[in-house]
N, C-alpha and C. Protein backbone atom coordinates (compact mmCIF):
# COMPACT_ATOMS: atom_id res chain seq x y z
N MET A 1 -40.41 20.42 -7.05
CA MET A 1 -39.82 20.97 -8.25
C MET A 1 -39.06 19.87 -8.99
N THR A 2 -39.28 19.79 -10.26
CA THR A 2 -38.64 18.77 -11.09
C THR A 2 -37.28 19.24 -11.55
N GLN A 3 -36.28 18.40 -11.30
CA GLN A 3 -34.95 18.66 -11.83
C GLN A 3 -34.78 17.83 -13.08
N ARG A 4 -34.38 18.47 -14.16
CA ARG A 4 -34.27 17.81 -15.46
C ARG A 4 -32.81 17.51 -15.79
N PHE A 5 -32.57 16.34 -16.32
CA PHE A 5 -31.24 15.95 -16.77
C PHE A 5 -31.35 15.50 -18.22
N GLN A 6 -30.55 16.10 -19.09
CA GLN A 6 -30.50 15.66 -20.48
C GLN A 6 -29.18 14.93 -20.69
N ASP A 7 -29.29 13.68 -21.07
CA ASP A 7 -28.12 12.84 -21.30
C ASP A 7 -27.28 13.43 -22.43
N GLN A 8 -25.99 13.60 -22.16
CA GLN A 8 -25.06 14.11 -23.17
C GLN A 8 -24.52 12.98 -24.05
N ASN A 9 -24.97 11.76 -23.78
CA ASN A 9 -24.50 10.56 -24.48
C ASN A 9 -22.99 10.36 -24.38
N HIS A 10 -22.43 10.79 -23.25
CA HIS A 10 -21.00 10.56 -23.01
C HIS A 10 -20.76 9.08 -22.82
N ARG A 11 -19.65 8.63 -23.32
CA ARG A 11 -19.18 7.28 -23.04
C ARG A 11 -18.20 7.38 -21.89
N LEU A 12 -17.94 6.28 -21.26
CA LEU A 12 -17.00 6.27 -20.13
C LEU A 12 -15.64 6.81 -20.58
N SER A 13 -15.26 6.53 -21.81
CA SER A 13 -13.97 6.99 -22.33
C SER A 13 -13.85 8.52 -22.33
N HIS A 14 -14.96 9.23 -22.31
CA HIS A 14 -14.95 10.70 -22.28
C HIS A 14 -14.22 11.21 -21.03
N PHE A 15 -14.25 10.44 -19.96
CA PHE A 15 -13.68 10.87 -18.68
C PHE A 15 -12.36 10.19 -18.34
N GLN A 16 -11.84 9.32 -19.20
CA GLN A 16 -10.72 8.45 -18.82
C GLN A 16 -9.31 8.99 -19.09
N ASP A 17 -9.16 10.06 -19.84
CA ASP A 17 -7.81 10.54 -20.15
C ASP A 17 -7.24 11.49 -19.11
N HIS A 18 -8.06 11.97 -18.20
CA HIS A 18 -7.63 12.86 -17.13
C HIS A 18 -8.29 12.35 -15.85
N VAL A 19 -7.53 11.66 -15.02
CA VAL A 19 -8.10 10.94 -13.88
C VAL A 19 -7.44 11.40 -12.59
N ASP A 20 -8.26 11.64 -11.57
CA ASP A 20 -7.75 11.99 -10.24
C ASP A 20 -7.55 10.70 -9.45
N VAL A 21 -6.35 10.60 -8.85
CA VAL A 21 -5.96 9.37 -8.15
C VAL A 21 -5.36 9.70 -6.79
N VAL A 22 -5.16 8.66 -6.00
CA VAL A 22 -4.45 8.78 -4.72
C VAL A 22 -2.96 8.74 -5.05
N CYS A 23 -2.23 9.76 -4.62
CA CYS A 23 -0.79 9.84 -4.90
C CYS A 23 -0.06 8.69 -4.22
N PRO A 24 0.77 7.94 -4.97
CA PRO A 24 1.54 6.86 -4.36
C PRO A 24 2.61 7.38 -3.39
N GLY A 25 2.94 8.68 -3.50
CA GLY A 25 3.96 9.26 -2.64
C GLY A 25 3.45 9.76 -1.30
N CYS A 26 2.32 10.50 -1.33
CA CYS A 26 1.84 11.14 -0.10
C CYS A 26 0.41 10.78 0.28
N GLY A 27 -0.34 10.14 -0.61
CA GLY A 27 -1.71 9.76 -0.30
C GLY A 27 -2.74 10.85 -0.55
N LYS A 28 -2.30 12.01 -1.03
CA LYS A 28 -3.25 13.07 -1.36
C LYS A 28 -3.64 12.96 -2.83
N LYS A 29 -4.46 13.91 -3.30
CA LYS A 29 -4.95 13.84 -4.69
C LYS A 29 -3.84 14.18 -5.68
N ALA A 30 -3.68 13.31 -6.65
CA ALA A 30 -2.76 13.52 -7.77
C ALA A 30 -3.56 13.35 -9.06
N THR A 31 -2.94 13.68 -10.17
CA THR A 31 -3.62 13.60 -11.46
C THR A 31 -2.82 12.72 -12.42
N VAL A 32 -3.53 11.88 -13.14
CA VAL A 32 -2.92 11.07 -14.19
C VAL A 32 -3.55 11.49 -15.50
N THR A 33 -2.70 11.75 -16.50
CA THR A 33 -3.19 12.08 -17.83
C THR A 33 -2.60 11.11 -18.84
N ALA A 34 -3.36 10.82 -19.86
CA ALA A 34 -2.89 9.93 -20.92
C ALA A 34 -2.97 10.68 -22.24
N ASP A 35 -1.86 10.65 -22.97
CA ASP A 35 -1.81 11.23 -24.32
C ASP A 35 -1.59 10.07 -25.28
N HIS A 36 -2.66 9.65 -25.94
CA HIS A 36 -2.59 8.45 -26.77
C HIS A 36 -1.87 8.69 -28.09
N GLU A 37 -1.77 9.94 -28.52
CA GLU A 37 -0.99 10.23 -29.72
C GLU A 37 0.50 10.08 -29.44
N LYS A 38 0.93 10.55 -28.27
CA LYS A 38 2.34 10.42 -27.87
C LYS A 38 2.62 9.05 -27.24
N LYS A 39 1.55 8.31 -26.97
CA LYS A 39 1.65 6.98 -26.34
C LYS A 39 2.37 7.05 -24.99
N GLU A 40 1.95 8.05 -24.19
CA GLU A 40 2.52 8.18 -22.85
C GLU A 40 1.47 8.62 -21.85
N ALA A 41 1.73 8.28 -20.60
CA ALA A 41 0.87 8.67 -19.49
C ALA A 41 1.75 9.30 -18.42
N ARG A 42 1.19 10.28 -17.74
CA ARG A 42 1.93 11.00 -16.69
C ARG A 42 1.11 11.03 -15.41
N ILE A 43 1.81 10.91 -14.29
CA ILE A 43 1.18 11.11 -12.99
C ILE A 43 1.93 12.26 -12.31
N ASN A 44 1.16 13.19 -11.74
CA ASN A 44 1.74 14.36 -11.07
C ASN A 44 0.97 14.66 -9.80
N CYS A 45 1.71 14.97 -8.75
CA CYS A 45 1.11 15.38 -7.48
C CYS A 45 1.60 16.78 -7.13
N LEU A 46 0.67 17.70 -6.96
CA LEU A 46 1.03 19.06 -6.60
C LEU A 46 1.39 19.19 -5.13
N HIS A 47 1.03 18.18 -4.32
CA HIS A 47 1.29 18.24 -2.88
C HIS A 47 2.72 17.87 -2.54
N CYS A 48 3.22 16.77 -3.10
CA CYS A 48 4.56 16.29 -2.73
C CYS A 48 5.55 16.32 -3.89
N GLY A 49 5.07 16.65 -5.09
CA GLY A 49 5.96 16.72 -6.24
C GLY A 49 6.19 15.39 -6.95
N TYR A 50 5.50 14.35 -6.51
CA TYR A 50 5.66 13.04 -7.16
C TYR A 50 5.32 13.18 -8.64
N SER A 51 6.18 12.62 -9.50
CA SER A 51 5.97 12.71 -10.93
C SER A 51 6.59 11.50 -11.61
N LYS A 52 5.87 10.97 -12.58
CA LYS A 52 6.37 9.80 -13.30
C LYS A 52 5.73 9.77 -14.68
N ILE A 53 6.48 9.28 -15.66
CA ILE A 53 5.98 9.13 -17.02
C ILE A 53 6.17 7.67 -17.42
N THR A 54 5.18 7.14 -18.12
CA THR A 54 5.28 5.77 -18.62
C THR A 54 4.59 5.69 -19.98
N GLY A 55 4.82 4.62 -20.69
CA GLY A 55 4.17 4.41 -21.97
C GLY A 55 2.77 3.87 -21.78
N THR A 56 1.97 3.92 -22.83
CA THR A 56 0.59 3.44 -22.74
C THR A 56 0.46 1.98 -23.17
N ALA A 57 1.56 1.32 -23.44
CA ALA A 57 1.49 -0.09 -23.80
C ALA A 57 1.18 -0.91 -22.55
N ILE A 58 0.18 -1.75 -22.65
CA ILE A 58 -0.16 -2.65 -21.55
C ILE A 58 -0.39 -4.04 -22.10
N GLU A 59 -0.36 -5.00 -21.21
CA GLU A 59 -0.55 -6.39 -21.61
C GLU A 59 -1.90 -6.89 -21.12
N VAL A 60 -2.66 -7.46 -22.04
CA VAL A 60 -3.95 -8.04 -21.72
C VAL A 60 -4.02 -9.42 -22.36
N LEU A 61 -4.28 -10.42 -21.55
CA LEU A 61 -4.39 -11.80 -22.03
C LEU A 61 -3.18 -12.22 -22.85
N GLY A 62 -2.00 -11.82 -22.40
CA GLY A 62 -0.77 -12.22 -23.06
C GLY A 62 -0.42 -11.42 -24.30
N MET A 63 -1.24 -10.46 -24.65
CA MET A 63 -0.97 -9.62 -25.82
C MET A 63 -0.65 -8.21 -25.36
N ARG A 64 0.40 -7.61 -25.94
CA ARG A 64 0.83 -6.28 -25.55
C ARG A 64 0.47 -5.29 -26.66
N GLY A 65 -0.07 -4.14 -26.24
CA GLY A 65 -0.42 -3.11 -27.21
C GLY A 65 -0.75 -1.80 -26.53
N HIS A 66 -0.96 -0.78 -27.33
CA HIS A 66 -1.33 0.55 -26.82
C HIS A 66 -2.85 0.64 -26.79
N LEU A 67 -3.41 0.39 -25.63
CA LEU A 67 -4.86 0.40 -25.47
C LEU A 67 -5.31 1.67 -24.77
N LYS A 68 -6.50 2.12 -25.13
CA LYS A 68 -7.08 3.29 -24.47
C LYS A 68 -7.89 2.79 -23.28
N VAL A 69 -7.29 2.89 -22.11
CA VAL A 69 -7.96 2.52 -20.87
C VAL A 69 -7.93 3.74 -19.96
N ALA A 70 -8.58 3.65 -18.83
CA ALA A 70 -8.54 4.75 -17.87
C ALA A 70 -7.09 5.03 -17.50
N ALA A 71 -6.72 6.31 -17.48
CA ALA A 71 -5.33 6.72 -17.29
C ALA A 71 -4.71 6.14 -16.01
N ASN A 72 -5.49 5.95 -14.97
CA ASN A 72 -4.94 5.42 -13.72
C ASN A 72 -4.42 4.00 -13.88
N ALA A 73 -4.92 3.27 -14.87
CA ALA A 73 -4.50 1.87 -15.09
C ALA A 73 -3.03 1.78 -15.49
N TYR A 74 -2.48 2.80 -16.13
CA TYR A 74 -1.08 2.76 -16.54
C TYR A 74 -0.13 2.79 -15.35
N PHE A 75 -0.62 3.26 -14.21
CA PHE A 75 0.19 3.31 -12.99
C PHE A 75 -0.37 2.43 -11.89
N ASP A 76 -1.45 1.74 -12.17
CA ASP A 76 -2.15 0.94 -11.17
C ASP A 76 -2.47 1.79 -9.95
N ALA A 77 -2.91 3.02 -10.21
CA ALA A 77 -3.19 3.98 -9.14
C ALA A 77 -4.66 3.90 -8.74
N GLU A 78 -4.90 4.05 -7.44
CA GLU A 78 -6.25 4.01 -6.88
C GLU A 78 -6.98 5.31 -7.21
N LEU A 79 -8.23 5.20 -7.63
CA LEU A 79 -9.03 6.39 -7.93
C LEU A 79 -9.29 7.22 -6.68
N TRP A 80 -9.30 8.53 -6.84
CA TRP A 80 -9.54 9.45 -5.73
C TRP A 80 -11.03 9.49 -5.35
N TYR A 81 -11.89 9.53 -6.37
CA TYR A 81 -13.32 9.63 -6.14
C TYR A 81 -13.96 8.24 -6.14
N THR A 82 -13.78 7.54 -5.06
CA THR A 82 -14.38 6.22 -4.92
C THR A 82 -14.79 6.02 -3.47
N ALA A 83 -15.89 5.32 -3.28
CA ALA A 83 -16.37 5.06 -1.92
C ALA A 83 -17.34 3.88 -1.96
N PRO A 84 -17.36 3.11 -0.87
CA PRO A 84 -18.34 2.01 -0.82
C PRO A 84 -19.75 2.56 -0.71
N PHE A 85 -20.67 1.87 -1.35
CA PHE A 85 -22.09 2.19 -1.25
C PHE A 85 -22.85 0.88 -1.13
N LYS A 86 -23.36 0.63 0.07
CA LYS A 86 -24.01 -0.65 0.38
C LYS A 86 -23.03 -1.77 0.02
N SER A 87 -23.39 -2.68 -0.84
CA SER A 87 -22.47 -3.76 -1.20
C SER A 87 -21.78 -3.47 -2.54
N GLU A 88 -21.87 -2.24 -3.00
CA GLU A 88 -21.31 -1.82 -4.29
C GLU A 88 -20.18 -0.81 -4.08
N GLU A 89 -19.63 -0.31 -5.18
CA GLU A 89 -18.58 0.70 -5.14
C GLU A 89 -18.99 1.86 -6.04
N PHE A 90 -19.03 3.07 -5.47
CA PHE A 90 -19.31 4.27 -6.25
C PHE A 90 -17.98 4.77 -6.79
N VAL A 91 -17.93 5.07 -8.10
CA VAL A 91 -16.67 5.44 -8.74
C VAL A 91 -16.88 6.61 -9.70
N ALA A 92 -15.93 7.56 -9.66
CA ALA A 92 -15.87 8.64 -10.65
C ALA A 92 -14.39 8.88 -10.97
N PHE A 93 -14.09 9.13 -12.23
CA PHE A 93 -12.70 9.30 -12.65
C PHE A 93 -12.12 10.67 -12.31
N ASN A 94 -12.95 11.70 -12.33
CA ASN A 94 -12.48 13.05 -12.05
C ASN A 94 -13.67 13.91 -11.62
N ARG A 95 -13.41 15.17 -11.36
CA ARG A 95 -14.48 16.05 -10.87
C ARG A 95 -15.58 16.23 -11.91
N GLU A 96 -15.22 16.33 -13.17
CA GLU A 96 -16.22 16.46 -14.23
C GLU A 96 -17.14 15.24 -14.26
N HIS A 97 -16.58 14.07 -14.13
CA HIS A 97 -17.35 12.82 -14.09
C HIS A 97 -18.25 12.80 -12.86
N LEU A 98 -17.71 13.19 -11.71
CA LEU A 98 -18.48 13.23 -10.47
C LEU A 98 -19.66 14.20 -10.60
N ASP A 99 -19.43 15.37 -11.18
CA ASP A 99 -20.49 16.36 -11.35
C ASP A 99 -21.56 15.85 -12.32
N TYR A 100 -21.15 15.14 -13.36
CA TYR A 100 -22.08 14.56 -14.33
C TYR A 100 -22.97 13.52 -13.65
N LEU A 101 -22.36 12.67 -12.84
CA LEU A 101 -23.13 11.67 -12.10
C LEU A 101 -24.07 12.33 -11.10
N GLU A 102 -23.61 13.38 -10.44
CA GLU A 102 -24.46 14.10 -9.50
C GLU A 102 -25.69 14.68 -10.20
N ALA A 103 -25.49 15.27 -11.36
CA ALA A 103 -26.61 15.85 -12.10
C ALA A 103 -27.61 14.76 -12.48
N TYR A 104 -27.11 13.60 -12.87
CA TYR A 104 -27.99 12.49 -13.24
C TYR A 104 -28.75 11.96 -12.03
N ILE A 105 -28.03 11.71 -10.94
CA ILE A 105 -28.64 11.13 -9.74
C ILE A 105 -29.68 12.07 -9.15
N SER A 106 -29.41 13.36 -9.14
CA SER A 106 -30.31 14.33 -8.50
C SER A 106 -31.57 14.61 -9.32
N ALA A 107 -31.53 14.29 -10.60
CA ALA A 107 -32.66 14.61 -11.48
C ALA A 107 -33.86 13.71 -11.22
N THR A 108 -35.02 14.33 -11.21
CA THR A 108 -36.27 13.56 -11.09
C THR A 108 -36.86 13.29 -12.47
N LEU A 109 -36.36 14.02 -13.48
CA LEU A 109 -36.76 13.78 -14.86
C LEU A 109 -35.49 13.59 -15.67
N ARG A 110 -35.31 12.41 -16.21
CA ARG A 110 -34.10 12.06 -16.96
C ARG A 110 -34.45 11.83 -18.42
N GLU A 111 -33.89 12.68 -19.27
CA GLU A 111 -34.18 12.59 -20.70
C GLU A 111 -33.01 11.98 -21.44
N HIS A 112 -33.32 11.01 -22.28
CA HIS A 112 -32.30 10.32 -23.07
C HIS A 112 -32.72 10.39 -24.53
N LYS A 113 -31.87 10.98 -25.34
CA LYS A 113 -32.18 11.09 -26.77
C LYS A 113 -31.08 10.44 -27.58
N ASP A 114 -31.47 9.77 -28.63
CA ASP A 114 -30.50 9.17 -29.56
C ASP A 114 -29.49 8.28 -28.86
N ARG A 115 -29.95 7.44 -27.98
CA ARG A 115 -29.05 6.51 -27.29
C ARG A 115 -28.38 5.56 -28.27
N THR A 116 -27.20 5.14 -27.89
CA THR A 116 -26.45 4.22 -28.75
C THR A 116 -26.20 2.88 -28.07
N HIS A 117 -26.66 2.71 -26.86
CA HIS A 117 -26.44 1.51 -26.04
C HIS A 117 -24.99 1.36 -25.60
N PHE A 118 -24.20 2.40 -25.76
CA PHE A 118 -22.82 2.38 -25.29
C PHE A 118 -22.53 3.56 -24.39
N THR A 119 -23.56 4.32 -24.02
CA THR A 119 -23.31 5.50 -23.21
C THR A 119 -22.97 5.11 -21.77
N LEU A 120 -22.30 6.02 -21.11
CA LEU A 120 -21.92 5.84 -19.71
C LEU A 120 -23.12 5.49 -18.84
N LEU A 121 -24.20 6.24 -18.99
CA LEU A 121 -25.36 6.04 -18.12
C LEU A 121 -26.01 4.68 -18.33
N GLU A 122 -25.96 4.16 -19.53
CA GLU A 122 -26.54 2.85 -19.80
C GLU A 122 -25.71 1.72 -19.21
N LYS A 123 -24.44 2.00 -18.96
CA LYS A 123 -23.54 0.97 -18.43
C LYS A 123 -23.39 1.03 -16.91
N LEU A 124 -24.00 2.02 -16.28
CA LEU A 124 -23.89 2.15 -14.82
C LEU A 124 -24.59 0.99 -14.11
N PRO A 125 -24.04 0.57 -12.98
CA PRO A 125 -24.76 -0.42 -12.17
C PRO A 125 -26.12 0.11 -11.76
N ARG A 126 -27.02 -0.78 -11.50
CA ARG A 126 -28.43 -0.45 -11.21
C ARG A 126 -28.60 0.55 -10.06
N PHE A 127 -27.76 0.46 -9.03
CA PHE A 127 -27.96 1.30 -7.84
C PHE A 127 -27.86 2.79 -8.15
N TYR A 128 -27.14 3.19 -9.20
CA TYR A 128 -27.05 4.60 -9.59
C TYR A 128 -28.41 5.12 -10.09
N HIS A 129 -29.20 4.25 -10.67
CA HIS A 129 -30.45 4.64 -11.31
C HIS A 129 -31.65 4.66 -10.35
N GLU A 130 -31.59 3.96 -9.25
CA GLU A 130 -32.75 3.76 -8.39
C GLU A 130 -33.06 4.99 -7.53
N ALA A 131 -34.30 5.45 -7.62
CA ALA A 131 -34.74 6.62 -6.86
C ALA A 131 -34.57 6.42 -5.36
N LYS A 132 -34.73 5.19 -4.88
CA LYS A 132 -34.61 4.93 -3.44
C LYS A 132 -33.19 5.22 -2.92
N ASN A 133 -32.21 5.25 -3.81
CA ASN A 133 -30.82 5.52 -3.41
C ASN A 133 -30.42 6.99 -3.59
N ARG A 134 -31.32 7.80 -4.14
CA ARG A 134 -30.98 9.17 -4.52
C ARG A 134 -30.37 9.97 -3.36
N ASP A 135 -31.05 10.05 -2.23
CA ASP A 135 -30.55 10.87 -1.11
C ASP A 135 -29.21 10.38 -0.58
N ALA A 136 -29.08 9.08 -0.40
CA ALA A 136 -27.82 8.53 0.11
C ALA A 136 -26.68 8.73 -0.88
N LEU A 137 -26.96 8.57 -2.16
CA LEU A 137 -25.92 8.79 -3.18
C LEU A 137 -25.51 10.25 -3.25
N LEU A 138 -26.46 11.15 -3.13
CA LEU A 138 -26.13 12.58 -3.17
C LEU A 138 -25.29 12.99 -1.96
N LYS A 139 -25.54 12.39 -0.81
CA LYS A 139 -24.69 12.64 0.37
C LYS A 139 -23.28 12.13 0.12
N LEU A 140 -23.18 10.97 -0.51
CA LEU A 140 -21.88 10.38 -0.83
C LEU A 140 -21.13 11.26 -1.83
N VAL A 141 -21.83 11.75 -2.84
CA VAL A 141 -21.22 12.64 -3.83
C VAL A 141 -20.70 13.91 -3.15
N ALA A 142 -21.49 14.50 -2.28
CA ALA A 142 -21.07 15.70 -1.55
C ALA A 142 -19.82 15.44 -0.73
N LYS A 143 -19.77 14.29 -0.10
CA LYS A 143 -18.60 13.91 0.69
C LYS A 143 -17.36 13.80 -0.20
N LEU A 144 -17.51 13.19 -1.38
CA LEU A 144 -16.39 13.05 -2.30
C LEU A 144 -15.97 14.40 -2.87
N GLN A 145 -16.94 15.30 -3.12
CA GLN A 145 -16.61 16.63 -3.64
C GLN A 145 -15.78 17.43 -2.64
N ASN A 146 -15.99 17.17 -1.36
CA ASN A 146 -15.27 17.90 -0.30
C ASN A 146 -14.02 17.18 0.18
N LYS A 147 -13.71 16.05 -0.40
CA LYS A 147 -12.54 15.25 0.01
C LYS A 147 -11.27 16.04 -0.24
N LYS A 148 -10.42 16.07 0.75
CA LYS A 148 -9.15 16.80 0.64
C LYS A 148 -7.98 15.86 0.58
C-alpha cells in the first residue's frame, strides 16, 4: 500500500517559536516559546516549575540584534526530540515537527508542489530522504514520541 505525503512547503522557522527542550532544572520536558513582537522568550517546566524569561536579542559575529532563531537558542537549552542516528543527529523542535517528519519518512510517495528551495524538507540531511533508512528512522521517531 502506498502512503502519500504532500509537502506543506513549511520552512524550518514554522516550528521554531514553540520548542520542547530538556529542563535545566529537572531534566524532564520543558517548553520554550518566543514572542518576536514582544522581543521575549520564555522557558517553562510543568514538572518542577522552572520558569525564566529573557529577551530575544542575541549576538552573532560581534553584532547584537533581535534575530528569529529557534526558541531554545535564547536559553542554550538542549532539544527534547533529538537522538543519534548512525553518524548523524536526528532532530525535531516539537511534537508537530516530529509528526511532520514521521509523515514524510513513512511515505512511499512524496509529492512536492511549488517548491521554493527554502522548505524544511529540501534542507534536511540526506539520511532523512533515503528509503534504506525508513524503518530505522521510524523506530527512532516512535521512541522519541514515547519519551517521558
